[in-house]
């Protein structure tokens, strides 16, 4: 006995699904996306969704450190323009090494997050498929204890057929 959802919630979910469908369709029809998907890189990512998810997570997580690095480069350029040229090389070198370390760490974290997402998806989908799969007749016999009787009956009928031949 499950509670039924009020009609407003199902209408809201249908409206959300319609909006998401329109968003996905507009992204898929974008000429740049179509060109990317026809390229060898796009075809590779289409065949390897784990790599695509890892790259997406890496790109999303690395946007802020790259932005800070570019801001550092611009500010350093302005300071160097005023006259501190040696300081610029030092700060950009240290900033570049720091960015390298941060991006390596983010690459490792994005691999872990992508793996966790994939494993979670597989576990949840397996559980949903197990919980909501139609139960065959054999499961009924196993649950009621009649399966052994069914096998004994089949065994006896096969032995009777063997004796008649």
Protein backbone atom coordinates (compact mmCIF):
# COMPACT_ATOMS: atom_id res chain seq x y z
CA UNK A 1 0.00 0.00 0.00
CA UNK A 2 2.00 2.90 -1.23
CA UNK A 3 0.81 6.47 -1.04
CA UNK A 4 0.07 8.00 -4.37
CA UNK A 5 1.69 11.29 -5.19
CA UNK A 6 -0.50 14.35 -5.40
CA UNK A 7 -1.18 15.34 -9.03
CA UNK A 8 0.83 18.56 -8.68
CA UNK A 9 4.05 16.65 -7.95
CA UNK A 10 3.68 14.42 -10.99
CA UNK A 11 2.91 17.48 -13.15
CA UNK A 12 6.01 19.20 -11.77
CA UNK A 13 8.10 16.12 -12.54
CA UNK A 14 6.70 15.95 -16.07
CA UNK A 15 7.48 19.64 -16.59
CA UNK A 16 11.03 19.11 -15.29
CA UNK A 17 11.46 16.09 -17.58
CA UNK A 18 10.23 18.13 -20.56
CA UNK A 19 12.65 20.98 -19.78
CA UNK A 20 15.57 18.56 -19.39
CA UNK A 21 14.66 16.87 -22.67
CA UNK A 22 14.65 20.24 -24.44
CA UNK A 23 18.02 21.14 -22.88
CA UNK A 24 19.59 17.84 -23.94
CA UNK A 25 18.14 18.18 -27.45
CA UNK A 26 19.50 21.73 -27.82
CA UNK A 27 22.95 20.56 -26.70
CA UNK A 28 22.89 17.59 -29.10
CA UNK A 29 21.80 19.82 -32.01
CA UNK A 30 24.56 22.39 -31.39
CA UNK A 31 26.85 22.53 -34.44
CA UNK A 32 30.02 22.50 -32.30
CA UNK A 33 28.85 19.43 -30.39
CA UNK A 34 27.98 17.66 -33.66
CA UNK A 35 31.44 18.51 -35.04
CA UNK A 36 33.11 17.23 -31.86
CA UNK A 37 31.13 13.97 -31.91
CA UNK A 38 32.13 13.35 -35.56
CA UNK A 39 35.83 13.85 -34.75
CA UNK A 40 38.01 10.88 -33.71
CA UNK A 41 38.21 12.23 -30.14
CA UNK A 42 34.41 12.46 -29.92
CA UNK A 43 33.97 8.94 -31.27
CA UNK A 44 36.53 7.63 -28.77
CA UNK A 45 34.77 9.36 -25.87
CA UNK A 46 31.42 8.03 -27.13
CA UNK A 47 32.80 4.47 -26.97
CA UNK A 48 34.48 5.02 -23.56
CA UNK A 49 32.01 6.78 -21.21
CA UNK A 50 34.22 6.33 -18.12
CA UNK A 51 37.00 8.35 -19.79
CA UNK A 52 34.46 11.00 -20.84
CA UNK A 53 33.10 11.24 -17.30
CA UNK A 54 36.63 11.46 -15.88
CA UNK A 55 37.52 14.27 -18.30
CA UNK A 56 34.29 16.11 -17.46
CA UNK A 57 34.94 15.89 -13.71
CA UNK A 58 38.59 16.90 -14.21
CA UNK A 59 37.62 19.91 -16.36
CA UNK A 60 34.97 21.04 -13.88
CA UNK A 61 37.30 20.70 -10.90
CA UNK A 62 40.30 22.34 -12.59
CA UNK A 63 38.44 25.48 -13.75
CA UNK A 64 39.02 27.39 -10.49
CA UNK A 65 42.77 26.64 -10.14
CA UNK A 66 43.36 27.50 -13.80
CA UNK A 67 41.40 30.74 -13.32
CA UNK A 68 43.51 31.64 -10.29
CA UNK A 69 46.67 30.85 -12.24
CA UNK A 70 45.59 33.07 -15.15
CA UNK A 71 44.72 35.85 -12.70
CA UNK A 72 48.16 35.41 -11.14
CA UNK A 73 49.77 35.64 -14.59
CA UNK A 74 47.87 38.82 -15.47
CA UNK A 75 48.64 40.47 -12.12
CA UNK A 76 52.27 39.42 -12.37
CA UNK A 77 52.44 40.84 -15.88
CA UNK A 78 51.10 44.15 -14.61
CA UNK A 79 53.62 44.23 -11.77
CA UNK A 80 56.43 43.34 -14.20
CA UNK A 81 55.23 46.02 -16.56
CA UNK A 82 55.90 48.46 -13.74
CA UNK A 83 59.46 47.20 -13.45
CA UNK A 84 59.83 44.00 -11.47
CA UNK A 85 60.83 41.59 -14.27
CA UNK A 86 62.83 39.15 -12.13
CA UNK A 87 60.00 38.76 -9.68
CA UNK A 88 57.65 37.87 -12.55
CA UNK A 89 59.74 34.90 -13.66
CA UNK A 90 59.98 33.60 -10.10
CA UNK A 91 56.27 33.97 -9.36
CA UNK A 92 55.20 32.41 -12.67
CA UNK A 93 57.60 29.50 -12.14
CA UNK A 94 56.37 28.89 -8.60
CA UNK A 95 52.77 29.39 -9.73
CA UNK A 96 53.28 26.99 -12.64
CA UNK A 97 54.73 24.32 -10.38
CA UNK A 98 51.90 24.87 -7.90
CA UNK A 99 49.36 24.58 -10.69
CA UNK A 100 51.02 21.39 -11.89
CA UNK A 101 50.77 19.88 -8.40
CA UNK A 102 47.14 20.96 -7.97
CA UNK A 103 46.14 19.62 -11.41
CA UNK A 104 47.85 16.28 -10.73
CA UNK A 105 45.95 16.02 -7.45
CA UNK A 106 42.69 16.98 -9.14
CA UNK A 107 43.30 14.37 -11.84
CA UNK A 108 43.66 11.69 -9.16
CA UNK A 109 40.58 12.94 -7.29
CA UNK A 110 38.53 13.06 -10.51
CA UNK A 111 39.48 9.42 -11.24
CA UNK A 112 38.34 8.42 -7.75
CA UNK A 113 35.08 10.38 -8.05
CA UNK A 114 34.37 8.95 -11.52
CA UNK A 115 35.05 5.43 -10.28
CA UNK A 116 32.79 5.99 -7.29
CA UNK A 117 30.01 7.33 -9.53
CA UNK A 118 30.30 4.36 -11.91
CA UNK A 119 30.37 1.79 -9.07
CA UNK A 120 27.41 3.50 -7.35
CA UNK A 121 25.45 3.51 -10.62
CA UNK A 122 26.15 -0.18 -11.20
CA UNK A 123 25.18 -1.13 -7.62
CA UNK A 124 21.99 0.94 -7.64
CA UNK A 125 20.91 -0.31 -11.08
CA UNK A 126 21.60 -3.92 -10.06
CA UNK A 127 19.56 -3.48 -6.89
CA UNK A 128 16.71 -1.81 -8.78
CA UNK A 129 16.75 -4.58 -11.40
CA UNK A 130 16.75 -7.22 -8.65
CA UNK A 131 13.98 -5.58 -6.62
CA UNK A 132 11.66 -4.80 -9.52
CA UNK A 133 12.30 -7.76 -11.83
CA UNK A 134 9.35 -10.07 -12.54
CA UNK A 135 9.61 -13.24 -10.50
CA UNK A 136 9.54 -16.41 -12.64
CA UNK A 137 7.68 -19.56 -11.64
CA UNK A 138 10.90 -21.19 -10.39
CA UNK A 139 11.27 -18.46 -7.78
CA UNK A 140 7.73 -19.26 -6.62
CA UNK A 141 8.59 -22.94 -6.31
CA UNK A 142 11.79 -22.10 -4.42
CA UNK A 143 9.96 -19.77 -2.06
CA UNK A 144 7.19 -22.27 -1.31
CA UNK A 145 9.44 -25.32 -1.05
CA UNK A 146 7.70 -27.08 -3.94
CA UNK A 147 10.72 -27.01 -6.22
CA UNK A 148 12.14 -30.25 -4.80
CA UNK A 149 8.79 -31.97 -5.42
CA UNK A 150 8.78 -30.68 -9.01
CA UNK A 151 12.26 -32.10 -9.62
CA UNK A 152 11.35 -35.46 -8.08
CA UNK A 153 8.26 -35.62 -10.29
CA UNK A 154 10.32 -34.88 -13.41
CA UNK A 155 12.95 -37.45 -12.40
CA UNK A 156 10.30 -40.16 -11.98
CA UNK A 157 8.66 -39.33 -15.32
CA UNK A 158 12.05 -39.58 -17.09
CA UNK A 159 12.77 -42.93 -15.44
CA UNK A 160 9.34 -44.19 -16.54
CA UNK A 161 10.05 -43.10 -20.14
CA UNK A 162 13.43 -44.91 -20.02
CA UNK A 163 11.78 -48.14 -18.87
CA UNK A 164 9.13 -48.02 -21.59
CA UNK A 165 11.73 -47.84 -24.37
